[in-house]
Amino acid sequence: MKKQTTMMAKVAAGVIALALMPALASASAVEQFKSFVTNNKSAKGEFSQQQVKKADGKISKTATGNFVFARPGKFIWAYTKPYEQVLQADGDKLYIYDKDLNQVTIKALGSALGSSPAAILFGSASSADLDKNFSFKEIGNKQGLEWLEAIPKAKDTQFESIGIGMKDGVPVALELRDNFGQFSILTLKNLEKNPSLKADEFKFVVPAGADVFRQ
């Protein structure tokens, strides 16, 4: 059975996030998120990702894994279940590695990120960068989180909107809607802000014998 890698890759490549300061609890969701981007240059944690069926709203697929990032443009987004797949960016290239197929796809990072969830979480180094690529609006409180909506300004993006749920200055949930009506929910946990990272943390080494495709 063919793996459902395309949507997962679009979400991750996306697609994560971390912490600011609890003192921002009274700020709006947009203010909290922009402060998070400005004040946190790196983070790591775990994620769960659920894809929701358009027809009945039921969850069709669930994936889990871990992530680490260093803005701008460096991250490792690793799926561990139900199968192993890694999306890794070194600031210049994006590498997508499928362990079962032993296959690596290499893309230019700029074109691969665009106005995607990966761009909003990993690509921007300032709130000015965010405003250049996204329009923001407040959504309000839902399920104990303060929500904002980010709408890509680019016309050719694959995503229609990205909802971001904030708690104490930290993005902990994302709701992703693409232009085909598909809907995914991303939950972040065990977040560690500004961890100590190795100098070569994001250098990708092509596994032995892997087929390599360049796009």
C-alpha atoms as a PDB file:
ATOM      1  CA  MET A   1       0.000   0.000   0.000  1.00  0.00           C
ATOM      2  CA  LYS A   2       1.389   3.337  -1.043  1.00  0.00           C
ATOM      3  CA  LYS A   3       2.327   5.563   1.878  1.00  0.00           C
ATOM      4  CA  GLN A   4       0.465   8.789   2.394  1.00  0.00           C
ATOM      5  CA  THR A   5       3.643  10.871   2.440  1.00  0.00           C
ATOM      6  CA  THR A   6       2.595  13.889   0.392  1.00  0.00           C
ATOM      7  CA  MET A   7       0.320  15.577   2.914  1.00  0.00           C
ATOM      8  CA  MET A   8       2.651  14.791   5.807  1.00  0.00           C
ATOM      9  CA  ALA A   9       5.571  16.298   3.896  1.00  0.00           C
ATOM     10  CA  LYS A  10       3.597  19.433   3.004  1.00  0.00           C
ATOM     11  CA  VAL A  11       2.540  19.950   6.608  1.00  0.00           C
ATOM     12  CA  ALA A  12       6.002  19.529   7.952  1.00  0.00           C
ATOM     13  CA  ALA A  13       7.983  21.060   5.115  1.00  0.00           C
ATOM     14  CA  GLY A  14       6.830  20.799   7.005  1.00  0.00           C
ATOM     15  CA  VAL A  15       6.495  20.966   9.644  1.00  0.00           C
ATOM     16  CA  ILE A  16       7.850  23.283  14.586  1.00  0.00           C
ATOM     17  CA  ALA A  17       7.962  25.442  17.596  1.00  0.00           C
ATOM     18  CA  LEU A  18       8.579  26.828  21.072  1.00  0.00           C
ATOM     19  CA  ALA A  19       8.599  28.921  24.062  1.00  0.00           C
ATOM     20  CA  LEU A  20       8.537  32.500  25.093  1.00  0.00           C
ATOM     21  CA  MET A  21       7.798  33.829  28.566  1.00  0.00           C
ATOM     22  CA  PRO A  22       4.707  33.220  30.721  1.00  0.00           C
ATOM     23  CA  ALA A  23       4.489  36.977  31.336  1.00  0.00           C
ATOM     24  CA  LEU A  24       2.880  37.319  27.899  1.00  0.00           C
ATOM     25  CA  ALA A  25      -0.367  35.654  28.986  1.00  0.00           C
ATOM     26  CA  SER A  26      -2.289  38.947  28.817  1.00  0.00           C
ATOM     27  CA  ALA A  27      -1.058  39.766  25.303  1.00  0.00           C
ATOM     28  CA  SER A  28      -3.108  38.975  22.223  1.00  0.00           C
ATOM     29  CA  ALA A  29      -2.451  35.713  20.370  1.00  0.00           C
ATOM     30  CA  VAL A  30      -0.785  37.589  17.484  1.00  0.00           C
ATOM     31  CA  GLU A  31       1.436  39.527  19.890  1.00  0.00           C
ATOM     32  CA  GLN A  32       2.366  36.326  21.725  1.00  0.00           C
ATOM     33  CA  PHE A  33       3.284  34.560  18.502  1.00  0.00           C
ATOM     34  CA  LYS A  34       5.377  37.414  17.113  1.00  0.00           C
ATOM     35  CA  SER A  35       7.206  37.710  20.436  1.00  0.00           C
ATOM     36  CA  PHE A  36       7.830  33.968  20.371  1.00  0.00           C
ATOM     37  CA  VAL A  37       9.411  34.228  16.919  1.00  0.00           C
ATOM     38  CA  THR A  38      11.562  37.200  17.917  1.00  0.00           C
ATOM     39  CA  ASN A  39      12.792  35.783  21.239  1.00  0.00           C
ATOM     40  CA  ASN A  40      13.346  32.111  20.470  1.00  0.00           C
ATOM     41  CA  LYS A  41      15.982  31.165  17.935  1.00  0.00           C
ATOM     42  CA  SER A  42      15.981  27.411  18.542  1.00  0.00           C
ATOM     43  CA  ALA A  43      13.893  24.702  20.184  1.00  0.00           C
ATOM     44  CA  LYS A  44      13.158  20.998  20.226  1.00  0.00           C
ATOM     45  CA  GLY A  45      10.282  18.783  21.250  1.00  0.00           C
ATOM     46  CA  GLU A  46       7.761  16.173  20.147  1.00  0.00           C
ATOM     47  CA  PHE A  47       4.670  16.323  17.970  1.00  0.00           C
ATOM     48  CA  SER A  48       1.564  14.406  16.984  1.00  0.00           C
ATOM     49  CA  GLN A  49      -0.173  15.028  13.677  1.00  0.00           C
ATOM     50  CA  GLN A  50      -3.724  14.065  12.751  1.00  0.00           C
ATOM     51  CA  GLN A  51      -5.232  14.257   9.284  1.00  0.00           C
ATOM     52  CA  VAL A  52      -8.987  14.832   9.239  1.00  0.00           C
ATOM     53  CA  LYS A  53     -11.335  13.556   6.523  1.00  0.00           C
ATOM     54  CA  LYS A  54     -13.093  16.312   4.611  1.00  0.00           C
ATOM     55  CA  ALA A  55     -16.338  14.350   4.277  1.00  0.00           C
ATOM     56  CA  ASP A  56     -17.163  13.454   7.877  1.00  0.00           C
ATOM     57  CA  GLY A  57     -14.568  15.252  10.013  1.00  0.00           C
ATOM     58  CA  LYS A  58     -13.174  11.985  11.385  1.00  0.00           C
ATOM     59  CA  ILE A  59      -9.462  11.409  11.903  1.00  0.00           C
ATOM     60  CA  SER A  60      -8.065   9.341   9.030  1.00  0.00           C
ATOM     61  CA  LYS A  61      -4.346   9.221   9.836  1.00  0.00           C
ATOM     62  CA  THR A  62      -2.158   9.857  12.871  1.00  0.00           C
ATOM     63  CA  ALA A  63       1.607  10.285  12.936  1.00  0.00           C
ATOM     64  CA  THR A  64       4.056  11.092  15.742  1.00  0.00           C
ATOM     65  CA  GLY A  65       7.671  12.132  15.950  1.00  0.00           C
ATOM     66  CA  ASN A  66      10.131  14.746  17.174  1.00  0.00           C
ATOM     67  CA  PHE A  67      11.666  17.977  15.942  1.00  0.00           C
ATOM     68  CA  VAL A  68      14.493  20.435  16.455  1.00  0.00           C
ATOM     69  CA  PHE A  69      14.973  23.815  14.793  1.00  0.00           C
ATOM     70  CA  ALA A  70      17.270  26.820  14.653  1.00  0.00           C
ATOM     71  CA  ARG A  71      15.948  29.877  12.840  1.00  0.00           C
ATOM     72  CA  PRO A  72      16.192  30.905  10.148  1.00  0.00           C
ATOM     73  CA  GLY A  73      15.700  27.854   7.943  1.00  0.00           C
ATOM     74  CA  LYS A  74      17.326  24.999   9.849  1.00  0.00           C
ATOM     75  CA  PHE A  75      15.258  22.127  11.197  1.00  0.00           C
ATOM     76  CA  ILE A  76      14.826  18.378  11.537  1.00  0.00           C
ATOM     77  CA  TRP A  77      11.252  17.092  11.474  1.00  0.00           C
ATOM     78  CA  ALA A  78      11.331  13.329  12.050  1.00  0.00           C
ATOM     79  CA  TYR A  79       8.323  11.035  11.828  1.00  0.00           C
ATOM     80  CA  THR A  80       8.791   7.884  13.906  1.00  0.00           C
ATOM     81  CA  LYS A  81       5.311   6.313  13.674  1.00  0.00           C
ATOM     82  CA  PRO A  82       3.585   4.790  11.730  1.00  0.00           C
ATOM     83  CA  TYR A  83       6.681   4.859   9.504  1.00  0.00           C
ATOM     84  CA  GLU A  84      10.041   6.629   9.573  1.00  0.00           C
ATOM     85  CA  GLN A  85      10.528   9.704   7.435  1.00  0.00           C
ATOM     86  CA  VAL A  86      12.810  12.710   7.975  1.00  0.00           C
ATOM     87  CA  LEU A  87      12.518  16.238   6.633  1.00  0.00           C
ATOM     88  CA  GLN A  88      15.742  18.098   7.275  1.00  0.00           C
ATOM     89  CA  ALA A  89      16.849  21.591   6.253  1.00  0.00           C
ATOM     90  CA  ASP A  90      20.339  23.045   6.594  1.00  0.00           C
ATOM     91  CA  GLY A  91      19.423  26.634   5.727  1.00  0.00           C
ATOM     92  CA  ASP A  92      20.008  26.057   2.012  1.00  0.00           C
ATOM     93  CA  LYS A  93      18.521  22.693   1.002  1.00  0.00           C
ATOM     94  CA  LEU A  94      15.583  20.592   2.155  1.00  0.00           C
ATOM     95  CA  TYR A  95      16.189  16.826   2.347  1.00  0.00           C
ATOM     96  CA  ILE A  96      13.274  14.380   2.525  1.00  0.00           C
ATOM     97  CA  TYR A  97      14.390  10.882   3.503  1.00  0.00           C
ATOM     98  CA  ASP A  98      12.136   7.825   3.382  1.00  0.00           C
ATOM     99  CA  LYS A  99      13.812   5.051   5.352  1.00  0.00           C
ATOM    100  CA  ASP A 100      11.736   2.161   3.976  1.00  0.00           C
ATOM    101  CA  LEU A 101      12.393   3.175   0.380  1.00  0.00           C
ATOM    102  CA  ASN A 102      15.958   4.293   1.180  1.00  0.00           C
ATOM    103  CA  GLN A 103      15.251   7.334  -0.950  1.00  0.00           C
ATOM    104  CA  VAL A 104      16.303  10.989  -0.565  1.00  0.00           C
ATOM    105  CA  THR A 105      14.651  13.934  -2.344  1.00  0.00           C
ATOM    106  CA  ILE A 106      16.563  17.228  -2.340  1.00  0.00           C
ATOM    107  CA  LYS A 107      14.889  20.602  -2.933  1.00  0.00           C
ATOM    108  CA  ALA A 108      15.957  24.232  -2.732  1.00  0.00           C
ATOM    109  CA  LEU A 109      14.821  25.390   0.701  1.00  0.00           C
ATOM    110  CA  GLY A 110      13.303  28.706  -0.385  1.00  0.00           C
ATOM    111  CA  SER A 111      10.907  27.224  -2.910  1.00  0.00           C
ATOM    112  CA  ALA A 112      10.099  24.285  -0.647  1.00  0.00           C
ATOM    113  CA  LEU A 113       9.082  26.439   2.328  1.00  0.00           C
ATOM    114  CA  GLY A 114       7.279  29.356   0.735  1.00  0.00           C
ATOM    115  CA  SER A 115       4.289  30.444   2.822  1.00  0.00           C
ATOM    116  CA  SER A 116       4.005  27.053   4.524  1.00  0.00           C
ATOM    117  CA  PRO A 117       3.725  25.962   8.162  1.00  0.00           C
ATOM    118  CA  ALA A 118       7.451  25.270   8.054  1.00  0.00           C
ATOM    119  CA  ALA A 119       8.102  28.855   6.981  1.00  0.00           C
ATOM    120  CA  ILE A 120       6.004  30.356   9.755  1.00  0.00           C
ATOM    121  CA  LEU A 121       7.646  28.213  12.445  1.00  0.00           C
ATOM    122  CA  PHE A 122      11.220  27.778  11.204  1.00  0.00           C
ATOM    123  CA  GLY A 123      11.882  30.210   8.397  1.00  0.00           C
ATOM    124  CA  SER A 124      11.296  33.634   9.891  1.00  0.00           C
ATOM    125  CA  ALA A 125      13.765  35.355  12.169  1.00  0.00           C
ATOM    126  CA  SER A 126      11.627  38.420  12.950  1.00  0.00           C
ATOM    127  CA  SER A 127       8.037  39.624  13.079  1.00  0.00           C
ATOM    128  CA  ALA A 128       8.801  41.787  10.029  1.00  0.00           C
ATOM    129  CA  ASP A 129       9.538  38.621   8.029  1.00  0.00           C
ATOM    130  CA  LEU A 130       6.222  37.178   9.164  1.00  0.00           C
ATOM    131  CA  ASP A 131       4.261  40.267   8.100  1.00  0.00           C
ATOM    132  CA  LYS A 132       5.903  40.073   4.679  1.00  0.00           C
ATOM    133  CA  ASN A 133       4.509  36.581   4.028  1.00  0.00           C
ATOM    134  CA  PHE A 134       1.334  36.326   6.121  1.00  0.00           C
ATOM    135  CA  SER A 135      -1.732  38.298   7.166  1.00  0.00           C
ATOM    136  CA  PHE A 136      -2.761  37.731  10.802  1.00  0.00           C
ATOM    137  CA  LYS A 137      -6.027  38.031  12.681  1.00  0.00           C
ATOM    138  CA  GLU A 138      -7.264  37.162  16.155  1.00  0.00           C
ATOM    139  CA  ILE A 139      -9.657  34.208  16.499  1.00  0.00           C
ATOM    140  CA  GLY A 140     -10.254  34.200  20.255  1.00  0.00           C
ATOM    141  CA  ASN A 141     -10.262  31.564  22.984  1.00  0.00           C
ATOM    142  CA  LYS A 142     -10.954  27.939  22.073  1.00  0.00           C
ATOM    143  CA  GLN A 143     -10.270  24.820  24.138  1.00  0.00           C
ATOM    144  CA  GLY A 144      -8.251  26.832  26.652  1.00  0.00           C
ATOM    145  CA  LEU A 145      -5.940  28.348  24.024  1.00  0.00           C
ATOM    146  CA  GLU A 146      -5.735  31.812  22.466  1.00  0.00           C
ATOM    147  CA  TRP A 147      -5.941  31.384  18.687  1.00  0.00           C
ATOM    148  CA  LEU A 148      -4.760  33.411  15.721  1.00  0.00           C
ATOM    149  CA  GLU A 149      -5.083  32.751  12.010  1.00  0.00           C
ATOM    150  CA  ALA A 150      -2.239  33.207   9.524  1.00  0.00           C
ATOM    151  CA  ILE A 151      -3.223  33.576   5.859  1.00  0.00           C
ATOM    152  CA  PRO A 152      -0.424  33.294   3.255  1.00  0.00           C
ATOM    153  CA  LYS A 153      -0.058  36.358   1.014  1.00  0.00           C
ATOM    154  CA  ALA A 154       1.461  34.346  -1.847  1.00  0.00           C
ATOM    155  CA  LYS A 155      -1.043  33.172  -4.452  1.00  0.00           C
ATOM    156  CA  ASP A 156       0.700  29.870  -5.234  1.00  0.00           C
ATOM    157  CA  THR A 157       0.920  28.483  -1.705  1.00  0.00           C
ATOM    158  CA  GLN A 158      -0.561  25.040  -0.986  1.00  0.00           C
ATOM    159  CA  PHE A 159      -2.153  26.241   2.258  1.00  0.00           C
ATOM    160  CA  GLU A 160      -5.274  28.333   2.587  1.00  0.00           C
ATOM    161  CA  SER A 161      -4.833  29.158   6.275  1.00  0.00           C
ATOM    162  CA  ILE A 162      -2.867  28.180   9.376  1.00  0.00           C
ATOM    163  CA  GLY A 163      -4.492  28.409  12.801  1.00  0.00           C
ATOM    164  CA  ILE A 164      -2.095  28.701  15.748  1.00  0.00           C
ATOM    165  CA  GLY A 165      -3.122  28.052  19.343  1.00  0.00           C
ATOM    166  CA  MET A 166      -1.054  29.896  21.963  1.00  0.00           C
ATOM    167  CA  LYS A 167      -0.701  29.187  25.684  1.00  0.00           C
ATOM    168  CA  ASP A 168       1.501  31.330  27.954  1.00  0.00           C
ATOM    169  CA  GLY A 169       3.398  32.694  24.964  1.00  0.00           C
ATOM    170  CA  VAL A 170       4.023  29.288  23.405  1.00  0.00           C
ATOM    171  CA  PRO A 171       2.474  27.815  20.223  1.00  0.00           C
ATOM    172  CA  VAL A 172       1.149  24.408  21.254  1.00  0.00           C
ATOM    173  CA  ALA A 173      -1.330  23.559  18.476  1.00  0.00           C
ATOM    174  CA  LEU A 174      -1.761  24.220  14.772  1.00  0.00           C
ATOM    175  CA  GLU A 175      -4.744  23.704  12.486  1.00  0.00           C
ATOM    176  CA  LEU A 176      -3.719  23.473   8.832  1.00  0.00           C
ATOM    177  CA  ARG A 177      -6.126  23.870   5.902  1.00  0.00           C
ATOM    178  CA  ASP A 178      -4.847  23.332   2.366  1.00  0.00           C
ATOM    179  CA  ASN A 179      -6.368  24.483  -0.913  1.00  0.00           C
ATOM    180  CA  PHE A 180      -7.915  21.050  -1.508  1.00  0.00           C
ATOM    181  CA  GLY A 181     -10.060  21.177   1.618  1.00  0.00           C
ATOM    182  CA  GLN A 182      -7.862  18.823   3.638  1.00  0.00           C
ATOM    183  CA  PHE A 183      -7.450  19.585   7.319  1.00  0.00           C
ATOM    184  CA  SER A 184      -4.661  18.561   9.706  1.00  0.00           C
ATOM    185  CA  ILE A 185      -4.156  19.125  13.428  1.00  0.00           C
ATOM    186  CA  LEU A 186      -0.662  19.408  14.875  1.00  0.00           C
ATOM    187  CA  THR A 187      -0.011  19.220  18.637  1.00  0.00           C
ATOM    188  CA  LEU A 188       3.370  20.133  20.164  1.00  0.00           C
ATOM    189  CA  LYS A 189       4.600  18.850  23.529  1.00  0.00           C
ATOM    190  CA  ASN A 190       7.686  18.544  25.752  1.00  0.00           C
ATOM    191  CA  LEU A 191       9.038  21.738  24.266  1.00  0.00           C
ATOM    192  CA  GLU A 192      12.548  22.833  25.212  1.00  0.00           C
ATOM    193  CA  LYS A 193      13.479  26.383  24.278  1.00  0.00           C
ATOM    194  CA  ASN A 194      16.905  27.492  23.080  1.00  0.00           C
ATOM    195  CA  PRO A 195      18.655  24.141  23.691  1.00  0.00           C
ATOM    196  CA  SER A 196      22.373  23.654  23.184  1.00  0.00           C
ATOM    197  CA  LEU A 197      22.875  22.367  19.630  1.00  0.00           C
ATOM    198  CA  LYS A 198      25.937  20.911  17.902  1.00  0.00           C
ATOM    199  CA  ALA A 199      27.625  22.937  15.180  1.00  0.00           C
ATOM    200  CA  ASP A 200      26.787  20.274  12.583  1.00  0.00           C
ATOM    201  CA  GLU A 201      23.329  19.475  14.003  1.00  0.00           C
ATOM    202  CA  PHE A 202      21.549  20.107  10.698  1.00  0.00           C
ATOM    203  CA  LYS A 203      24.086  18.699   8.261  1.00  0.00           C
ATOM    204  CA  PHE A 204      22.409  15.917   6.282  1.00  0.00           C
ATOM    205  CA  VAL A 205      24.395  12.823   5.352  1.00  0.00           C
ATOM    206  CA  VAL A 206      22.888  10.713   2.565  1.00  0.00           C
ATOM    207  CA  PRO A 207      22.494   7.124   3.855  1.00  0.00           C
ATOM    208  CA  ALA A 208      24.576   4.446   2.159  1.00  0.00           C
ATOM    209  CA  GLY A 209      22.979   3.103  -1.006  1.00  0.00           C
ATOM    210  CA  ALA A 210      20.086   5.593  -0.982  1.00  0.00           C
ATOM    211  CA  ASP A 211      18.573   6.723  -4.287  1.00  0.00           C
ATOM    212  CA  VAL A 212      18.860  10.503  -4.613  1.00  0.00           C
ATOM    213  CA  PHE A 213      16.422  12.710  -6.554  1.00  0.00           C
ATOM    214  CA  ARG A 214      16.859  16.457  -7.050  1.00  0.00           C
ATOM    215  CA  GLN A 215      13.963  18.826  -7.704  1.00  0.00           C
END
